Amino acid sequence: MEKFNLKKFMGNIIYLIIGCIITAFSVNYILKPNGLITSGITGLSIILEKYTHINYSYIYYFITFIILIITYLLMGKKEIMKIIFLSILYPTVLLVMQSIEFKFVENDLLLASIYFSIFYGAGVGMILRRGFSFGGTDTIARILNKKLFPSVNVSYIMLALDGVVILISAVAFGRNIALYSVISQLIVTKVCDYVMFGFGTKLYKLEIISSKYEEIGRYIMYELGRGVTVYQTKGAYTKEDKIQIESVCSPEQSVKIQKFIKEIDQFAFVKVLPMISVWGKGNRFIDINMED
């Protein structure tokens, strides 16, 4: 069993609090004052606030509480432990920061969208970099994938859920606001990537040796939608036959794979190699049939 590291634990707590503060800053002081909207549970809470006149932070609390219960019932205790801390911390930070009246930028929707995206993407990126989750649409997507749509990639379900929120926002706030939401979502994704992985490579090759290779392979193929190649190998020192699996994935997917492997096999051996480019059919791959 891994020894408890108090210094690492406190470092993670401080890191998460800072990430939540930056994220809440972007919502309370940029997004809301300018009448903008975003996707996910935050966006849905703001939409519901318009019709219920209940503070969106309380609505966020309620929605995440429902998600926690559903996650516990359908996915088990192990899954709920991944999201419970931020499900409480983030809406609390949102609520506390609302007591301070401040507007970072106003009267310029495009500039507000850009500023929001930078701060929001930075905050979310910090949290994801430590392997934590807000327990929002990503959790709902995993539940739907496991219980209703096992053949559909989790990332596609997340995209559909966020798309539904943006479509609802178009009805609630108008098409222009919804368009700003789409623009900001694209910027948020890029900023989040840069915070998590820097400005380096956009693809990694993972070479994994593990006794749990079947579970890892299924996770990569059906949860992340990436291909997997299996090799028969032999340890030079132990002379034992082993199975190595190989996959090419995005940086954010490599973090998810690392976290999954850590949960099921702490004795796994993993090599992570940056890729200059990959030719073939796949996300972020270069089409080998493209014209010169």
Protein backbone atom coordinates (compact mmCIF):
# COMPACT_ATOMS: atom_id res chain seq x y z
CA MET A 1 0.00 0.00 0.00
CA GLU A 2 1.28 3.47 -0.91
CA LYS A 3 2.49 5.43 2.13
CA PHE A 4 0.52 8.58 2.95
CA ASN A 5 2.51 11.69 2.04
CA LEU A 6 1.27 14.70 4.03
CA LYS A 7 3.40 17.20 2.10
CA LYS A 8 2.09 15.94 -1.23
CA PHE A 9 -1.49 15.91 0.10
CA MET A 10 -1.29 19.51 1.35
CA GLY A 11 0.36 20.56 -1.91
CA ASN A 12 -2.55 19.08 -3.86
CA ILE A 13 -5.09 20.82 -1.61
CA ILE A 14 -3.43 24.24 -2.06
CA TYR A 15 -3.07 23.64 -5.81
CA LEU A 16 -6.77 22.73 -6.12
CA ILE A 17 -7.89 25.74 -4.08
CA ILE A 18 -5.87 28.07 -6.33
CA GLY A 19 -7.35 26.37 -9.41
CA CYS A 20 -10.88 26.81 -8.02
CA ILE A 21 -10.24 30.47 -7.19
CA ILE A 22 -9.01 31.20 -10.73
CA THR A 23 -11.98 29.33 -12.23
CA ALA A 24 -14.50 31.06 -9.93
CA PHE A 25 -12.86 34.43 -10.69
CA SER A 26 -13.53 33.94 -14.40
CA VAL A 27 -17.18 33.02 -13.79
CA ASN A 28 -18.06 35.60 -11.10
CA TYR A 29 -16.12 38.59 -12.38
CA ILE A 30 -16.05 38.11 -16.17
CA LEU A 31 -18.70 35.67 -17.40
CA LYS A 32 -21.69 36.63 -15.25
CA PRO A 33 -21.32 40.46 -15.28
CA ASN A 34 -21.25 40.42 -19.09
CA GLY A 35 -24.26 38.14 -19.48
CA LEU A 36 -22.19 35.40 -21.13
CA ILE A 37 -22.66 31.66 -20.80
CA THR A 38 -20.46 28.57 -20.84
CA SER A 39 -21.04 24.84 -21.22
CA GLY A 40 -21.12 22.15 -18.56
CA ILE A 41 -22.76 22.26 -15.14
CA THR A 42 -21.74 25.90 -14.66
CA GLY A 43 -23.55 26.91 -17.84
CA LEU A 44 -26.62 24.85 -16.97
CA SER A 45 -26.73 26.43 -13.49
CA ILE A 46 -26.64 29.95 -14.97
CA ILE A 47 -29.46 29.06 -17.39
CA LEU A 48 -31.61 27.64 -14.57
CA GLU A 49 -30.90 30.74 -12.46
CA LYS A 50 -32.61 32.86 -15.11
CA TYR A 51 -35.87 30.91 -14.82
CA THR A 52 -35.85 30.00 -11.12
CA HIS A 53 -34.25 33.19 -9.72
CA ILE A 54 -32.15 30.99 -7.43
CA ASN A 55 -28.46 31.80 -7.10
CA TYR A 56 -26.57 29.67 -9.63
CA SER A 57 -24.06 28.56 -6.97
CA TYR A 58 -26.87 26.88 -5.01
CA ILE A 59 -28.13 25.29 -8.22
CA TYR A 60 -24.59 24.05 -8.90
CA TYR A 61 -24.51 22.55 -5.39
CA PHE A 62 -27.82 20.78 -6.01
CA ILE A 63 -26.85 19.39 -9.43
CA THR A 64 -23.48 18.09 -8.21
CA PHE A 65 -25.19 16.53 -5.17
CA ILE A 66 -27.54 14.65 -7.52
CA ILE A 67 -24.55 13.58 -9.64
CA LEU A 68 -22.76 12.33 -6.51
CA ILE A 69 -25.76 10.19 -5.50
CA ILE A 70 -26.20 8.77 -9.02
CA THR A 71 -22.45 8.10 -9.27
CA TYR A 72 -22.48 6.25 -5.96
CA LEU A 73 -25.50 4.14 -6.93
CA LEU A 74 -24.37 3.29 -10.46
CA MET A 75 -20.55 3.50 -10.38
CA GLY A 76 -19.66 2.69 -6.77
CA LYS A 77 -17.72 4.24 -3.90
CA LYS A 78 -14.40 4.24 -5.73
CA GLU A 79 -15.68 6.53 -8.48
CA ILE A 80 -17.35 8.97 -6.08
CA MET A 81 -14.09 9.52 -4.18
CA LYS A 82 -12.59 11.03 -7.34
CA ILE A 83 -15.10 13.88 -7.49
CA ILE A 84 -16.50 14.51 -4.01
CA PHE A 85 -13.85 17.02 -2.87
CA LEU A 86 -14.18 19.39 -5.84
CA SER A 87 -17.95 18.92 -5.92
CA ILE A 88 -18.00 20.65 -2.53
CA LEU A 89 -14.99 22.98 -2.83
CA TYR A 90 -15.72 24.64 -6.19
CA PRO A 91 -19.32 25.81 -5.55
CA THR A 92 -18.22 26.96 -2.08
CA VAL A 93 -15.50 29.13 -3.63
CA LEU A 94 -18.04 30.41 -6.17
CA LEU A 95 -20.40 31.42 -3.38
CA VAL A 96 -17.75 33.07 -1.19
CA MET A 97 -16.32 35.12 -4.06
CA GLN A 98 -19.79 36.39 -4.98
CA SER A 99 -19.75 38.48 -1.80
CA ILE A 100 -16.98 40.62 -3.35
CA GLU A 101 -18.33 42.98 -6.00
CA PHE A 102 -15.86 43.30 -8.86
CA LYS A 103 -15.92 43.41 -12.67
CA PHE A 104 -12.73 42.54 -14.49
CA VAL A 105 -14.02 43.70 -17.88
CA GLU A 106 -17.38 44.97 -19.16
CA ASN A 107 -19.11 46.44 -22.22
CA ASP A 108 -17.04 44.34 -24.64
CA LEU A 109 -18.39 40.82 -25.13
CA LEU A 110 -15.58 39.60 -27.36
CA LEU A 111 -12.87 40.81 -24.98
CA ALA A 112 -14.82 39.38 -22.03
CA SER A 113 -15.08 36.00 -23.82
CA ILE A 114 -11.33 35.92 -24.41
CA TYR A 115 -10.43 36.92 -20.85
CA PHE A 116 -12.93 34.42 -19.44
CA SER A 117 -11.51 31.64 -21.61
CA ILE A 118 -7.92 32.35 -20.51
CA PHE A 119 -8.69 32.38 -16.78
CA TYR A 120 -11.21 29.52 -16.91
CA GLY A 121 -8.93 27.34 -19.04
CA ALA A 122 -6.00 28.02 -16.70
CA GLY A 123 -8.03 27.11 -13.60
CA VAL A 124 -9.50 23.96 -15.10
CA GLY A 125 -6.10 22.96 -16.52
CA MET A 126 -4.50 23.23 -13.08
CA ILE A 127 -7.13 20.92 -11.59
CA LEU A 128 -7.01 18.37 -14.40
CA ARG A 129 -3.20 18.39 -14.29
CA ARG A 130 -3.38 16.91 -10.79
CA GLY A 131 -5.77 14.20 -12.00
CA PHE A 132 -8.91 15.57 -10.29
CA SER A 133 -12.37 16.22 -11.73
CA PHE A 134 -15.18 18.69 -11.09
CA GLY A 135 -17.69 15.84 -11.29
CA GLY A 136 -19.63 17.53 -14.09
CA THR A 137 -20.38 16.46 -17.64
CA ASP A 138 -17.33 14.17 -17.69
CA THR A 139 -18.83 12.09 -14.86
CA ILE A 140 -22.29 12.09 -16.47
CA ALA A 141 -20.67 10.97 -19.74
CA ARG A 142 -18.94 8.03 -18.02
CA ILE A 143 -22.23 6.97 -16.41
CA LEU A 144 -24.09 7.14 -19.74
CA ASN A 145 -21.28 5.25 -21.44
CA LYS A 146 -21.34 2.45 -18.87
CA LYS A 147 -25.12 2.11 -18.54
CA LEU A 148 -26.69 3.23 -21.83
CA PHE A 149 -24.15 3.81 -24.61
CA PRO A 150 -21.24 1.37 -24.16
CA SER A 151 -20.33 1.55 -27.86
CA VAL A 152 -20.07 5.37 -27.87
CA ASN A 153 -16.80 7.09 -26.93
CA VAL A 154 -16.99 9.01 -23.63
CA SER A 155 -15.51 12.13 -25.26
CA TYR A 156 -18.31 12.13 -27.86
CA ILE A 157 -20.93 11.88 -25.10
CA MET A 158 -19.29 14.82 -23.32
CA LEU A 159 -19.32 16.82 -26.54
CA ALA A 160 -23.02 16.06 -27.02
CA LEU A 161 -23.85 17.08 -23.43
CA ASP A 162 -21.96 20.38 -23.75
CA GLY A 163 -23.62 20.95 -27.13
CA VAL A 164 -27.07 20.53 -25.54
CA VAL A 165 -26.22 23.14 -22.88
CA ILE A 166 -25.06 25.60 -25.56
CA LEU A 167 -28.24 24.99 -27.60
CA ILE A 168 -30.37 25.65 -24.51
CA SER A 169 -28.36 28.84 -23.89
CA ALA A 170 -29.23 29.99 -27.41
CA VAL A 171 -32.91 29.78 -26.46
CA ALA A 172 -32.41 31.38 -23.04
CA PHE A 173 -29.95 34.16 -23.92
CA GLY A 174 -30.01 34.44 -27.71
CA ARG A 175 -27.94 33.11 -30.58
CA ASN A 176 -25.19 35.73 -30.24
CA ILE A 177 -24.45 34.75 -26.64
CA ALA A 178 -24.43 31.08 -27.66
CA LEU A 179 -21.92 31.87 -30.41
CA TYR A 180 -19.63 33.60 -27.90
CA SER A 181 -19.92 30.45 -25.80
CA VAL A 182 -18.71 28.31 -28.71
CA ILE A 183 -15.77 30.67 -29.30
CA SER A 184 -14.79 30.69 -25.63
CA GLN A 185 -15.07 26.90 -25.44
CA LEU A 186 -12.50 26.53 -28.24
CA ILE A 187 -10.11 28.90 -26.46
CA VAL A 188 -10.67 27.19 -23.08
CA THR A 189 -9.68 23.84 -24.61
CA LYS A 190 -6.43 25.28 -26.00
CA VAL A 191 -5.50 27.12 -22.80
CA CYS A 192 -6.28 24.01 -20.76
CA ASP A 193 -3.97 21.96 -22.99
CA TYR A 194 -1.14 24.47 -22.60
CA VAL A 195 -1.48 24.55 -18.81
CA MET A 196 -1.53 20.75 -18.59
CA PHE A 197 1.14 19.90 -21.15
CA GLY A 198 2.95 23.09 -22.17
CA PHE A 199 3.62 24.05 -25.78
CA GLY A 200 5.28 20.80 -26.74
CA THR A 201 4.12 17.67 -28.50
CA LYS A 202 0.45 16.96 -29.18
CA LEU A 203 0.81 13.17 -29.36
CA TYR A 204 2.37 10.53 -27.15
CA LYS A 205 3.13 6.85 -27.69
CA LEU A 206 2.56 4.73 -24.60
CA GLU A 207 4.31 1.37 -24.21
CA ILE A 208 2.75 -0.46 -21.27
CA ILE A 209 3.74 -3.74 -19.65
CA SER A 210 1.18 -4.87 -17.09
CA SER A 211 -0.55 -8.00 -15.85
CA LYS A 212 -3.79 -6.00 -16.26
CA TYR A 213 -3.18 -5.43 -19.96
CA GLU A 214 -6.69 -6.56 -20.96
CA GLU A 215 -8.40 -4.04 -18.65
CA ILE A 216 -6.03 -1.27 -19.74
CA GLY A 217 -6.56 -2.13 -23.40
CA ARG A 218 -10.35 -2.04 -23.01
CA TYR A 219 -10.15 1.31 -21.22
CA ILE A 220 -8.01 2.84 -23.99
CA MET A 221 -10.22 1.47 -26.77
CA TYR A 222 -13.72 1.92 -25.36
CA GLU A 223 -13.35 4.82 -22.92
CA LEU A 224 -10.89 6.95 -24.91
CA GLY A 225 -11.52 5.67 -28.43
CA ARG A 226 -7.86 4.98 -29.21
CA GLY A 227 -6.34 1.99 -30.96
CA VAL A 228 -4.21 -0.57 -29.13
CA THR A 229 -1.50 -2.92 -30.42
CA VAL A 230 -0.47 -6.00 -28.40
CA TYR A 231 3.04 -7.51 -28.40
CA GLN A 232 4.53 -10.62 -26.83
CA THR A 233 7.75 -9.74 -24.96
CA LYS A 234 10.20 -11.41 -22.57
CA GLY A 235 12.11 -9.91 -19.66
CA ALA A 236 15.87 -10.27 -20.14
CA TYR A 237 16.53 -10.64 -16.41
CA THR A 238 13.50 -12.65 -15.26
CA LYS A 239 13.11 -14.61 -18.52
CA GLU A 240 9.35 -14.27 -18.01
CA ASP A 241 6.96 -13.90 -20.93
CA LYS A 242 5.01 -10.64 -20.75
CA ILE A 243 2.41 -8.76 -22.77
CA GLN A 244 3.14 -5.21 -23.90
CA ILE A 245 0.41 -2.95 -25.24
CA GLU A 246 1.10 0.14 -27.30
CA SER A 247 -1.12 3.11 -28.08
CA VAL A 248 -0.80 6.61 -29.55
CA CYS A 249 -2.89 9.23 -27.77
CA SER A 250 -3.23 12.92 -26.94
CA PRO A 251 -1.48 14.41 -23.87
CA GLU A 252 -4.74 14.70 -21.91
CA GLN A 253 -5.58 11.07 -22.68
CA SER A 254 -2.12 10.00 -21.49
CA VAL A 255 -2.89 11.56 -18.08
CA LYS A 256 -6.19 9.64 -17.91
CA ILE A 257 -4.42 6.40 -18.84
CA GLN A 258 -1.74 7.00 -16.22
CA LYS A 259 -4.41 7.58 -13.56
CA PHE A 260 -6.32 4.44 -14.62
CA ILE A 261 -3.18 2.29 -14.52
CA LYS A 262 -2.25 3.64 -11.09
CA GLU A 263 -5.64 2.52 -9.77
CA ILE A 264 -5.44 -1.07 -11.00
CA ASP A 265 -1.73 -1.94 -11.22
CA GLN A 266 0.92 -0.01 -9.29
CA PHE A 267 3.58 -2.42 -10.58
CA ALA A 268 2.99 -1.58 -14.25
CA PHE A 269 5.89 -0.41 -16.41
CA VAL A 270 5.01 2.47 -18.73
CA LYS A 271 7.14 4.32 -21.27
CA VAL A 272 5.78 7.65 -22.57
CA LEU A 273 7.37 8.81 -25.81
CA PRO A 274 6.65 12.17 -27.51
CA MET A 275 5.69 11.84 -31.19
CA ILE A 276 6.58 14.35 -33.91
CA SER A 277 3.69 13.21 -36.10
CA VAL A 278 1.62 10.13 -36.94
CA TRP A 279 0.34 9.22 -40.39
CA GLY A 280 -2.93 7.36 -40.64
CA LYS A 281 -6.58 7.59 -39.67
CA GLY A 282 -7.26 9.00 -36.23
CA ASN A 283 -7.66 12.09 -34.06
CA ARG A 284 -4.67 14.47 -34.57
CA PHE A 285 -3.12 12.04 -37.06
CA ILE A 286 -1.94 13.18 -40.51
CA ASP A 287 -3.87 11.63 -43.40
CA ILE A 288 -1.32 9.56 -45.32
CA ASN A 289 -3.38 10.06 -48.49
CA MET A 290 -3.31 13.86 -48.38
CA GLU A 291 -2.00 15.73 -51.40
CA ASP A 292 1.46 17.34 -51.34
